[in-house]
């Protein structure tokens, strides 16, 4: 009947929020797949299929010589994993449970925890998959040498964070215009098959193509990642500051829009759809 009011510090609230997000992320992985190992295995298989397809495509077209001088598998992997991580982040955040979901009726749960758990799910599966694939290539095919791995890791995290930011923008707009948001998501994913620049070396692209791809934060992330990974590649047409500022701005707008949507959304909106 009576409860003692307990005050918690900001640090304690942050720890509790992170712990709840980790539990929710584990639930989300098990909800989608039978186990975390199966989720990582599926992510690994998808990356391997992309890697094999692009390897034979470049070999058949005779375009391997146009790649960066260095490990060709590492060149392909730097673009493929950044692309997959970015796109999966967009998709996972966009499909996060909203304020009207049944799980939100449980007291500790809220939309912020749902968003964080979705983001952590993608980061967990993609990071483990990347490490396993790098180890397999290093042991089975040929030793891998990365020029500056902290920079490459930072670009991997930036591809994940920018995907989460774009997914958050789409998530906040989805209850208002669901059909248009679904169309935008599909167009964005399809466009990034080429516009991400994973199949090209930015320094060798003509100026007209650079202008067409320069808007895309993922294009900058992939090109900068190759600058950190390869000792003999120096990006001239990209920078890592643009995707970083884009991500921070998109997260700010996304969280503001999500808070506004959360206050006004109604479960009856989708009743007639």
Protein backbone atom coordinates (compact mmCIF):
# COMPACT_ATOMS: atom_id res chain seq x y z
CA UNK A 1 0.00 0.00 0.00
CA UNK A 2 2.75 2.39 0.97
CA UNK A 3 6.07 2.54 -0.88
CA UNK A 4 9.25 4.27 0.15
CA UNK A 5 10.39 6.65 -2.51
CA UNK A 6 13.93 5.84 -3.61
CA UNK A 7 16.11 8.29 -5.49
CA UNK A 8 18.73 6.99 -7.89
CA UNK A 9 21.77 8.73 -9.28
CA UNK A 10 22.17 9.43 -12.98
CA UNK A 11 24.94 6.85 -13.17
CA UNK A 12 22.74 4.21 -11.55
CA UNK A 13 19.91 4.97 -13.98
CA UNK A 14 22.30 4.69 -16.92
CA UNK A 15 23.58 1.31 -15.69
CA UNK A 16 20.04 0.03 -15.23
CA UNK A 17 19.10 1.26 -18.70
CA UNK A 18 22.12 -0.48 -20.25
CA UNK A 19 21.40 -3.71 -18.37
CA UNK A 20 17.77 -3.67 -19.50
CA UNK A 21 18.87 -2.96 -23.08
CA UNK A 22 21.24 -5.95 -23.02
CA UNK A 23 18.46 -8.23 -21.76
CA UNK A 24 16.08 -6.90 -24.42
CA UNK A 25 18.77 -7.39 -27.10
CA UNK A 26 19.21 -11.03 -26.06
CA UNK A 27 15.42 -11.45 -26.22
CA UNK A 28 15.32 -9.92 -29.69
CA UNK A 29 18.04 -12.25 -30.98
CA UNK A 30 16.23 -15.32 -29.61
CA UNK A 31 12.93 -14.04 -30.94
CA UNK A 32 14.28 -13.82 -34.49
CA UNK A 33 16.57 -16.88 -34.41
CA UNK A 34 16.81 -20.05 -32.38
CA UNK A 35 19.99 -18.91 -30.65
CA UNK A 36 22.63 -16.21 -30.76
CA UNK A 37 25.02 -18.64 -32.48
CA UNK A 38 22.50 -19.22 -35.26
CA UNK A 39 22.03 -15.44 -35.71
CA UNK A 40 25.80 -14.95 -36.02
CA UNK A 41 26.05 -17.91 -38.41
CA UNK A 42 23.36 -16.48 -40.69
CA UNK A 43 25.10 -13.10 -40.70
CA UNK A 44 28.37 -14.83 -41.53
CA UNK A 45 26.82 -16.84 -44.38
CA UNK A 46 25.32 -13.69 -45.91
CA UNK A 47 28.68 -11.90 -45.79
CA UNK A 48 30.45 -14.92 -47.34
CA UNK A 49 27.90 -15.06 -50.18
CA UNK A 50 28.46 -11.36 -50.89
CA UNK A 51 32.21 -11.88 -50.75
CA UNK A 52 32.18 -14.83 -53.16
CA UNK A 53 29.79 -13.07 -55.56
CA UNK A 54 31.88 -9.89 -55.76
CA UNK A 55 35.12 -11.89 -55.98
CA UNK A 56 33.93 -13.73 -59.08
CA UNK A 57 32.35 -10.55 -60.48
CA UNK A 58 35.62 -8.62 -60.24
CA UNK A 59 37.58 -11.59 -61.59
CA UNK A 60 35.21 -12.10 -64.53
CA UNK A 61 35.26 -8.38 -65.42
CA UNK A 62 39.02 -8.22 -65.06
CA UNK A 63 38.68 -5.36 -62.58
CA UNK A 64 40.91 -6.73 -59.83
CA UNK A 65 43.77 -4.56 -61.05
CA UNK A 66 41.64 -1.46 -60.49
CA UNK A 67 41.34 -2.24 -56.78
CA UNK A 68 43.69 -0.99 -54.09
CA UNK A 69 47.16 -2.49 -54.19
CA UNK A 70 47.06 -4.96 -51.32
CA UNK A 71 44.96 -7.87 -50.07
CA UNK A 72 42.03 -8.17 -52.49
CA UNK A 73 39.86 -10.11 -50.02
CA UNK A 74 40.38 -7.40 -47.42
CA UNK A 75 39.44 -4.78 -50.00
CA UNK A 76 36.14 -6.55 -50.70
CA UNK A 77 35.48 -7.19 -47.02
CA UNK A 78 35.98 -3.54 -46.07
CA UNK A 79 33.12 -2.50 -48.32
CA UNK A 80 30.79 -5.47 -47.86
CA UNK A 81 30.72 -5.52 -44.07
CA UNK A 82 30.29 -1.75 -43.78
CA UNK A 83 27.38 -1.95 -46.24
CA UNK A 84 25.71 -4.92 -44.52
CA UNK A 85 26.12 -3.41 -41.07
CA UNK A 86 24.69 -0.07 -42.20
CA UNK A 87 21.70 -1.59 -44.01
CA UNK A 88 20.88 -4.06 -41.23
CA UNK A 89 21.00 -1.21 -38.71
CA UNK A 90 18.49 0.76 -40.78
CA UNK A 91 16.17 -2.24 -41.06
CA UNK A 92 16.46 -3.33 -37.43
CA UNK A 93 15.84 0.11 -35.94
CA UNK A 94 12.96 0.77 -38.32
CA UNK A 95 11.17 -2.41 -37.19
CA UNK A 96 11.58 -1.68 -33.47
CA UNK A 97 8.47 -1.97 -31.30
CA UNK A 98 6.65 1.34 -30.94
CA UNK A 99 4.83 2.93 -28.03
CA UNK A 100 1.64 0.95 -28.76
CA UNK A 101 3.35 -2.48 -28.68
CA UNK A 102 2.15 -4.86 -25.98
CA UNK A 103 5.60 -5.21 -24.43
CA UNK A 104 5.57 -1.48 -23.60
CA UNK A 105 2.91 -2.19 -20.97
CA UNK A 106 5.60 -3.69 -18.74
CA UNK A 107 6.92 -1.03 -16.40
CA UNK A 108 10.71 -1.13 -17.03
CA UNK A 109 10.29 -1.26 -20.79
CA UNK A 110 10.15 1.87 -22.96
CA UNK A 111 10.85 2.84 -26.55
CA UNK A 112 14.38 4.03 -25.77
CA UNK A 113 15.29 0.59 -24.41
CA UNK A 114 13.72 -1.04 -27.49
CA UNK A 115 15.77 1.18 -29.82
CA UNK A 116 19.02 0.56 -27.91
CA UNK A 117 18.42 -3.20 -27.83
CA UNK A 118 17.81 -3.27 -31.60
CA UNK A 119 21.03 -1.34 -32.19
CA UNK A 120 23.02 -3.63 -29.88
CA UNK A 121 21.60 -6.71 -31.62
CA UNK A 122 23.01 -5.59 -34.98
CA UNK A 123 26.35 -4.54 -33.49
CA UNK A 124 26.75 -7.84 -31.65
CA UNK A 125 25.99 -10.13 -34.58
CA UNK A 126 27.92 -8.10 -37.16
CA UNK A 127 31.03 -7.56 -35.02
CA UNK A 128 31.32 -11.23 -34.06
CA UNK A 129 30.70 -12.24 -37.67
CA UNK A 130 33.41 -9.85 -38.90
CA UNK A 131 35.97 -11.13 -36.39
CA UNK A 132 35.21 -14.76 -37.25
CA UNK A 133 35.50 -14.11 -40.99
CA UNK A 134 38.78 -12.20 -40.59
CA UNK A 135 40.19 -15.04 -38.50
CA UNK A 136 39.09 -17.62 -41.10
CA UNK A 137 40.70 -15.67 -43.95
CA UNK A 138 43.87 -15.13 -41.90
CA UNK A 139 44.21 -18.84 -41.06
CA UNK A 140 42.87 -20.55 -44.19
CA UNK A 141 43.64 -18.25 -47.16
CA UNK A 142 46.49 -15.89 -46.34
CA UNK A 143 47.68 -13.76 -43.39
CA UNK A 144 45.91 -10.41 -43.03
CA UNK A 145 47.79 -7.22 -42.28
CA UNK A 146 45.79 -4.11 -41.28
CA UNK A 147 47.67 -0.82 -41.31
CA UNK A 148 45.75 0.93 -38.50
CA UNK A 149 43.02 -1.27 -37.03
CA UNK A 150 41.62 1.31 -34.53
CA UNK A 151 40.72 3.57 -37.46
CA UNK A 152 39.13 0.68 -39.33
CA UNK A 153 37.13 -0.26 -36.23
CA UNK A 154 36.00 3.34 -35.82
CA UNK A 155 34.68 3.36 -39.40
CA UNK A 156 32.87 0.07 -38.78
CA UNK A 157 31.20 1.60 -35.72
CA UNK A 158 30.38 4.73 -37.72
CA UNK A 159 28.67 2.64 -40.43
CA UNK A 160 26.60 1.03 -37.66
CA UNK A 161 25.78 4.31 -35.92
CA UNK A 162 24.83 6.13 -39.13
CA UNK A 163 22.54 3.24 -40.08
CA UNK A 164 20.90 3.42 -36.65
CA UNK A 165 20.42 7.19 -37.06
CA UNK A 166 18.72 6.80 -40.45
CA UNK A 167 16.60 3.95 -39.11
CA UNK A 168 15.52 6.17 -36.20
CA UNK A 169 14.37 8.88 -38.60
CA UNK A 170 12.32 6.33 -40.54
CA UNK A 171 10.96 4.82 -37.32
CA UNK A 172 9.69 8.18 -36.07
CA UNK A 173 7.96 8.89 -39.40
CA UNK A 174 6.55 5.39 -39.89
CA UNK A 175 3.32 5.80 -37.85
CA UNK A 176 2.43 8.95 -39.82
CA UNK A 177 3.21 7.84 -43.38
CA UNK A 178 3.91 4.06 -43.30
CA UNK A 179 3.63 3.45 -47.04
CA UNK A 180 5.98 6.28 -47.99
CA UNK A 181 8.49 5.28 -45.31
CA UNK A 182 8.54 1.68 -46.58
CA UNK A 183 9.14 2.97 -50.10
CA UNK A 184 11.95 5.28 -48.94
CA UNK A 185 13.60 2.41 -47.08
CA UNK A 186 13.47 0.16 -50.13
CA UNK A 187 14.87 2.85 -52.45
CA UNK A 188 17.63 3.73 -49.96
CA UNK A 189 18.74 0.10 -49.61
CA UNK A 190 18.71 -0.51 -53.36
CA UNK A 191 20.53 2.75 -54.11
CA UNK A 192 23.28 1.91 -51.64
CA UNK A 193 24.17 -1.22 -53.58
CA UNK A 194 25.97 1.22 -55.90
CA UNK A 195 26.01 4.59 -54.09
CA UNK A 196 27.92 3.18 -51.10
CA UNK A 197 31.02 2.92 -53.28
CA UNK A 198 31.91 -0.55 -52.01
CA UNK A 199 32.66 -1.69 -55.56
CA UNK A 200 34.81 1.33 -56.48
CA UNK A 201 37.97 3.08 -55.37
CA UNK A 202 37.03 6.72 -54.80
CA UNK A 203 40.44 8.07 -55.84
CA UNK A 204 40.01 6.49 -59.28
CA UNK A 205 36.46 7.70 -59.88
CA UNK A 206 35.77 10.65 -62.22
CA UNK A 207 34.59 13.91 -60.68
CA UNK A 208 31.06 13.51 -61.99
CA UNK A 209 30.63 10.21 -60.15
CA UNK A 210 32.13 11.66 -56.97
CA UNK A 211 29.46 14.38 -57.02
CA UNK A 212 26.77 11.70 -57.36
CA UNK A 213 28.02 9.70 -54.35
CA UNK A 214 29.30 12.49 -52.11
CA UNK A 215 25.96 12.94 -50.31
CA UNK A 216 26.08 9.42 -48.91
CA UNK A 217 27.71 9.07 -45.46
CA UNK A 218 28.34 5.37 -46.14
CA UNK A 219 30.43 6.30 -49.19
CA UNK A 220 32.73 8.37 -46.94
CA UNK A 221 32.86 5.65 -44.28
CA UNK A 222 33.94 2.91 -46.72
CA UNK A 223 36.55 5.07 -48.43
CA UNK A 224 38.00 6.26 -45.12
CA UNK A 225 38.02 2.68 -43.78
CA UNK A 226 40.18 1.63 -46.73
CA UNK A 227 42.52 4.51 -45.96
CA UNK A 228 43.01 3.14 -42.44
CA UNK A 229 43.23 -0.50 -43.52
CA UNK A 230 45.70 -0.17 -46.43
CA UNK A 231 49.09 1.42 -45.96
CA UNK A 232 49.32 2.65 -49.56
CA UNK A 233 45.86 4.22 -49.94
CA UNK A 234 45.19 7.86 -49.06
CA UNK A 235 41.55 9.03 -49.53
CA UNK A 236 41.30 12.38 -51.33
CA UNK A 237 37.56 12.64 -51.96
CA UNK A 238 36.10 11.71 -48.58
CA UNK A 239 36.39 12.48 -44.88
CA UNK A 240 35.16 10.85 -41.67
CA UNK A 241 33.88 14.12 -40.15
CA UNK A 242 30.90 14.34 -42.51
CA UNK A 243 29.35 10.95 -41.56
CA UNK A 244 30.07 11.67 -37.89
CA UNK A 245 28.29 15.06 -37.93
CA UNK A 246 25.51 13.59 -40.06
CA UNK A 247 25.01 10.79 -37.54
CA UNK A 248 24.91 13.13 -34.54
CA UNK A 249 22.47 15.49 -36.26
CA UNK A 250 20.25 12.62 -37.46
CA UNK A 251 20.20 11.09 -33.95
CA UNK A 252 19.20 14.45 -32.46
CA UNK A 253 16.36 14.95 -34.94
CA UNK A 254 15.38 11.28 -34.74
CA UNK A 255 15.04 11.20 -30.95
CA UNK A 256 13.09 14.47 -30.96
CA UNK A 257 10.74 13.15 -33.66
CA UNK A 258 10.39 9.80 -31.88
CA UNK A 259 9.44 11.53 -28.62
CA UNK A 260 6.82 13.59 -30.45
CA UNK A 261 5.44 10.52 -32.20
CA UNK A 262 5.38 8.54 -28.95
CA UNK A 263 3.15 11.17 -27.32
CA UNK A 264 0.67 11.32 -30.19
CA UNK A 265 0.60 7.81 -31.66
CA UNK A 266 -2.52 5.72 -31.13
CA UNK A 267 -3.10 2.00 -31.43
CA UNK A 268 -6.18 2.71 -33.56
CA UNK A 269 -4.10 4.30 -36.35
CA UNK A 270 -3.31 0.95 -37.93
CA UNK A 271 -6.75 -0.56 -37.39
CA UNK A 272 -7.99 0.30 -40.86
CA UNK A 273 -4.83 -0.70 -42.70
